[in-house]
Amino acid sequence: MIDEDRHARTRAALESLPARLGRILVLREVEWLAMGEAAKRLGLSRQAAERRWARAVVLMTERLGEVELGHATLSPLVPAKAGTQEPR
């Protein structure tokens, strides 16, 4: 698959998410904000932001099978790359 096609599919999948899920995904995976900062910007607790982010990842993975966003490759069978998860 060419990069342009992957980009278009990823953008379409992102736009198909509910806005509240798309926002957390963009903050974390595109803008690379720490979970705490993303939560603060959205007016959420860190735990609520983590739940939204996890749900967004699941939905994106369901739509695309495997998706590469920001700094992590997300797939139901492939864990995030080492070093991409921030400590709690």
N, C-alpha and C. Protein backbone atom coordinates (compact mmCIF):
# COMPACT_ATOMS: atom_id res chain seq x y z
N MET A 1 0.85 -1.17 0.00
CA MET A 1 0.00 0.00 0.00
C MET A 1 0.90 1.24 0.00
N ILE A 2 0.59 2.19 -0.83
CA ILE A 2 1.42 3.38 -0.88
C ILE A 2 1.09 4.29 0.29
N ASP A 3 2.06 5.15 0.65
CA ASP A 3 1.89 6.02 1.81
C ASP A 3 0.69 6.95 1.68
N GLU A 4 0.42 7.45 0.48
CA GLU A 4 -0.73 8.34 0.27
C GLU A 4 -2.03 7.62 0.58
N ASP A 5 -2.13 6.38 0.17
CA ASP A 5 -3.33 5.59 0.44
C ASP A 5 -3.48 5.34 1.93
N ARG A 6 -2.38 4.98 2.59
CA ARG A 6 -2.41 4.76 4.04
C ARG A 6 -2.82 6.03 4.77
N HIS A 7 -2.27 7.15 4.34
CA HIS A 7 -2.61 8.43 4.97
C HIS A 7 -4.10 8.73 4.80
N ALA A 8 -4.62 8.54 3.60
CA ALA A 8 -6.03 8.80 3.34
C ALA A 8 -6.92 7.88 4.17
N ARG A 9 -6.56 6.60 4.25
CA ARG A 9 -7.35 5.65 5.05
C ARG A 9 -7.31 6.01 6.53
N THR A 10 -6.13 6.40 7.00
CA THR A 10 -5.98 6.77 8.41
C THR A 10 -6.79 8.02 8.72
N ARG A 11 -6.71 9.01 7.85
CA ARG A 11 -7.48 10.25 8.06
C ARG A 11 -8.98 9.95 8.06
N ALA A 12 -9.45 9.14 7.13
CA ALA A 12 -10.87 8.80 7.08
C ALA A 12 -11.30 8.05 8.35
N ALA A 13 -10.47 7.14 8.81
CA ALA A 13 -10.80 6.40 10.04
C ALA A 13 -10.83 7.34 11.24
N LEU A 14 -9.87 8.25 11.31
CA LEU A 14 -9.84 9.22 12.42
C LEU A 14 -11.08 10.10 12.39
N GLU A 15 -11.45 10.57 11.22
CA GLU A 15 -12.63 11.43 11.09
C GLU A 15 -13.93 10.68 11.39
N SER A 16 -13.90 9.36 11.29
CA SER A 16 -15.11 8.58 11.58
C SER A 16 -15.31 8.34 13.08
N LEU A 17 -14.30 8.63 13.87
CA LEU A 17 -14.42 8.45 15.32
C LEU A 17 -15.31 9.52 15.92
N PRO A 18 -15.97 9.22 17.03
CA PRO A 18 -16.66 10.28 17.77
C PRO A 18 -15.64 11.36 18.12
N ALA A 19 -16.05 12.61 18.10
CA ALA A 19 -15.14 13.74 18.31
C ALA A 19 -14.34 13.61 19.61
N ARG A 20 -14.97 13.15 20.67
CA ARG A 20 -14.27 13.06 21.95
C ARG A 20 -13.12 12.06 21.90
N LEU A 21 -13.25 11.02 21.08
CA LEU A 21 -12.18 10.04 20.93
C LEU A 21 -11.12 10.53 19.95
N GLY A 22 -11.55 11.19 18.90
CA GLY A 22 -10.60 11.72 17.94
C GLY A 22 -9.69 12.77 18.55
N ARG A 23 -10.23 13.60 19.43
CA ARG A 23 -9.42 14.67 20.06
C ARG A 23 -8.30 14.09 20.91
N ILE A 24 -8.61 13.09 21.72
CA ILE A 24 -7.56 12.52 22.58
C ILE A 24 -6.50 11.82 21.72
N LEU A 25 -6.92 11.17 20.67
CA LEU A 25 -5.97 10.49 19.80
C LEU A 25 -5.05 11.49 19.11
N VAL A 26 -5.59 12.60 18.64
CA VAL A 26 -4.76 13.62 18.01
C VAL A 26 -3.79 14.22 19.02
N LEU A 27 -4.27 14.53 20.21
CA LEU A 27 -3.38 15.11 21.22
C LEU A 27 -2.23 14.18 21.56
N ARG A 28 -2.52 12.90 21.69
CA ARG A 28 -1.48 11.93 22.09
C ARG A 28 -0.59 11.50 20.94
N GLU A 29 -1.17 11.19 19.80
CA GLU A 29 -0.41 10.56 18.72
C GLU A 29 0.07 11.52 17.64
N VAL A 30 -0.54 12.67 17.53
CA VAL A 30 -0.11 13.63 16.52
C VAL A 30 0.69 14.75 17.18
N GLU A 31 0.13 15.31 18.26
CA GLU A 31 0.82 16.39 18.97
C GLU A 31 1.80 15.87 20.02
N TRP A 32 1.76 14.58 20.29
CA TRP A 32 2.67 13.91 21.21
C TRP A 32 2.62 14.46 22.64
N LEU A 33 1.45 14.85 23.09
CA LEU A 33 1.32 15.33 24.46
C LEU A 33 1.35 14.15 25.43
N ALA A 34 1.88 14.40 26.59
CA ALA A 34 1.83 13.41 27.67
C ALA A 34 0.36 13.23 28.05
N MET A 35 0.02 12.07 28.57
CA MET A 35 -1.37 11.78 28.92
C MET A 35 -1.91 12.81 29.89
N GLY A 36 -1.11 13.19 30.87
CA GLY A 36 -1.57 14.18 31.85
C GLY A 36 -1.90 15.52 31.21
N GLU A 37 -1.08 15.96 30.27
CA GLU A 37 -1.32 17.23 29.59
C GLU A 37 -2.54 17.13 28.69
N ALA A 38 -2.70 16.01 27.98
CA ALA A 38 -3.87 15.82 27.14
C ALA A 38 -5.14 15.84 28.00
N ALA A 39 -5.10 15.16 29.13
CA ALA A 39 -6.25 15.14 30.04
C ALA A 39 -6.59 16.55 30.50
N LYS A 40 -5.58 17.31 30.87
CA LYS A 40 -5.78 18.68 31.34
C LYS A 40 -6.43 19.53 30.25
N ARG A 41 -5.94 19.42 29.02
CA ARG A 41 -6.51 20.21 27.92
C ARG A 41 -7.96 19.87 27.65
N LEU A 42 -8.33 18.62 27.90
CA LEU A 42 -9.70 18.18 27.65
C LEU A 42 -10.59 18.30 28.88
N GLY A 43 -10.02 18.72 29.99
CA GLY A 43 -10.80 18.85 31.21
C GLY A 43 -11.21 17.52 31.80
N LEU A 44 -10.34 16.51 31.63
CA LEU A 44 -10.61 15.15 32.11
C LEU A 44 -9.61 14.75 33.18
N SER A 45 -9.98 13.75 33.95
CA SER A 45 -9.00 13.12 34.83
C SER A 45 -8.06 12.31 33.94
N ARG A 46 -6.88 12.00 34.45
CA ARG A 46 -5.94 11.19 33.67
C ARG A 46 -6.56 9.83 33.35
N GLN A 47 -7.25 9.24 34.31
CA GLN A 47 -7.87 7.94 34.10
C GLN A 47 -8.92 7.99 32.99
N ALA A 48 -9.73 9.03 32.97
CA ALA A 48 -10.74 9.17 31.91
C ALA A 48 -10.07 9.36 30.55
N ALA A 49 -9.00 10.14 30.52
CA ALA A 49 -8.27 10.34 29.26
C ALA A 49 -7.66 9.03 28.78
N GLU A 50 -7.11 8.24 29.69
CA GLU A 50 -6.54 6.94 29.32
C GLU A 50 -7.61 6.02 28.74
N ARG A 51 -8.78 6.02 29.34
CA ARG A 51 -9.88 5.17 28.82
C ARG A 51 -10.30 5.62 27.42
N ARG A 52 -10.41 6.93 27.23
CA ARG A 52 -10.79 7.43 25.90
C ARG A 52 -9.73 7.09 24.87
N TRP A 53 -8.47 7.28 25.23
CA TRP A 53 -7.37 6.99 24.31
C TRP A 53 -7.40 5.50 23.93
N ALA A 54 -7.56 4.64 24.93
CA ALA A 54 -7.58 3.20 24.67
C ALA A 54 -8.75 2.84 23.75
N ARG A 55 -9.90 3.42 23.98
CA ARG A 55 -11.07 3.15 23.13
C ARG A 55 -10.81 3.64 21.70
N ALA A 56 -10.19 4.81 21.57
CA ALA A 56 -9.88 5.34 20.24
C ALA A 56 -8.91 4.42 19.51
N VAL A 57 -7.93 3.90 20.22
CA VAL A 57 -6.96 2.98 19.60
C VAL A 57 -7.67 1.71 19.12
N VAL A 58 -8.55 1.18 19.95
CA VAL A 58 -9.29 -0.02 19.57
C VAL A 58 -10.12 0.24 18.31
N LEU A 59 -10.83 1.35 18.28
CA LEU A 59 -11.67 1.65 17.12
C LEU A 59 -10.84 1.87 15.86
N MET A 60 -9.73 2.57 15.98
CA MET A 60 -8.85 2.78 14.82
C MET A 60 -8.30 1.44 14.33
N THR A 61 -7.91 0.59 15.25
CA THR A 61 -7.37 -0.72 14.89
C THR A 61 -8.44 -1.57 14.20
N GLU A 62 -9.67 -1.51 14.70
CA GLU A 62 -10.76 -2.24 14.06
C GLU A 62 -11.00 -1.75 12.64
N ARG A 63 -10.91 -0.45 12.44
CA ARG A 63 -11.17 0.12 11.13
C ARG A 63 -10.05 -0.16 10.13
N LEU A 64 -8.82 -0.21 10.63
CA LEU A 64 -7.67 -0.30 9.73
C LEU A 64 -6.89 -1.61 9.83
N GLY A 65 -7.10 -2.38 10.88
CA GLY A 65 -6.32 -3.60 11.08
C GLY A 65 -5.00 -3.29 11.74
N GLU A 66 -4.26 -2.36 11.19
CA GLU A 66 -3.02 -1.87 11.80
C GLU A 66 -2.91 -0.42 11.37
N VAL A 67 -2.56 0.44 12.28
CA VAL A 67 -2.44 1.85 11.95
C VAL A 67 -1.18 2.42 12.58
N GLU A 68 -0.50 3.24 11.85
CA GLU A 68 0.68 3.91 12.37
C GLU A 68 0.34 5.38 12.55
N LEU A 69 0.31 5.84 13.79
CA LEU A 69 0.00 7.22 14.12
C LEU A 69 1.09 7.76 15.02
N GLY A 70 1.55 8.92 14.74
CA GLY A 70 2.53 9.55 15.61
C GLY A 70 3.72 8.67 15.86
N HIS A 71 3.91 8.28 17.09
CA HIS A 71 5.12 7.55 17.48
C HIS A 71 4.89 6.08 17.77
N ALA A 72 3.70 5.55 17.48
CA ALA A 72 3.44 4.14 17.81
C ALA A 72 2.74 3.44 16.65
N THR A 73 3.06 2.19 16.47
CA THR A 73 2.31 1.35 15.56
C THR A 73 1.27 0.62 16.40
N LEU A 74 0.03 0.75 16.02
CA LEU A 74 -1.06 0.19 16.81
C LEU A 74 -1.70 -0.96 16.06
N SER A 75 -1.76 -2.09 16.69
CA SER A 75 -2.37 -3.26 16.08
C SER A 75 -2.88 -4.16 17.19
N PRO A 76 -3.94 -4.92 16.96
CA PRO A 76 -4.43 -5.80 18.02
C PRO A 76 -3.43 -6.90 18.37
N LEU A 77 -2.51 -7.21 17.47
CA LEU A 77 -1.57 -8.29 17.72
C LEU A 77 -0.14 -7.82 17.97
N VAL A 78 0.11 -6.54 17.78
CA VAL A 78 1.46 -6.01 17.92
C VAL A 78 1.46 -4.95 19.00
N PRO A 79 2.23 -5.12 20.09
CA PRO A 79 2.26 -4.11 21.13
C PRO A 79 2.92 -2.83 20.62
N ALA A 80 2.67 -1.72 21.33
CA ALA A 80 3.31 -0.46 20.98
C ALA A 80 4.82 -0.63 21.05
N LYS A 81 5.53 0.16 20.25
CA LYS A 81 6.98 0.10 20.23
C LYS A 81 7.54 0.41 21.61
N ALA A 82 8.61 -0.25 21.96
CA ALA A 82 9.25 -0.02 23.26
C ALA A 82 9.62 1.44 23.40
N GLY A 83 9.43 1.98 24.58
CA GLY A 83 9.82 3.34 24.86
C GLY A 83 8.75 4.38 24.51
N THR A 84 7.61 3.96 23.96
CA THR A 84 6.59 4.93 23.60
C THR A 84 5.57 5.15 24.71
N GLN A 85 5.56 4.29 25.67
CA GLN A 85 4.61 4.45 26.77
C GLN A 85 5.28 5.23 27.89
N GLU A 86 4.62 6.28 28.36
CA GLU A 86 5.21 7.06 29.43
C GLU A 86 4.94 6.37 30.77
N PRO A 87 5.82 6.55 31.74
CA PRO A 87 5.59 5.94 33.05
C PRO A 87 4.40 6.57 33.75
N ARG A 88 3.79 5.82 34.61
CA ARG A 88 2.66 6.34 35.39
C ARG A 88 3.13 7.20 36.50
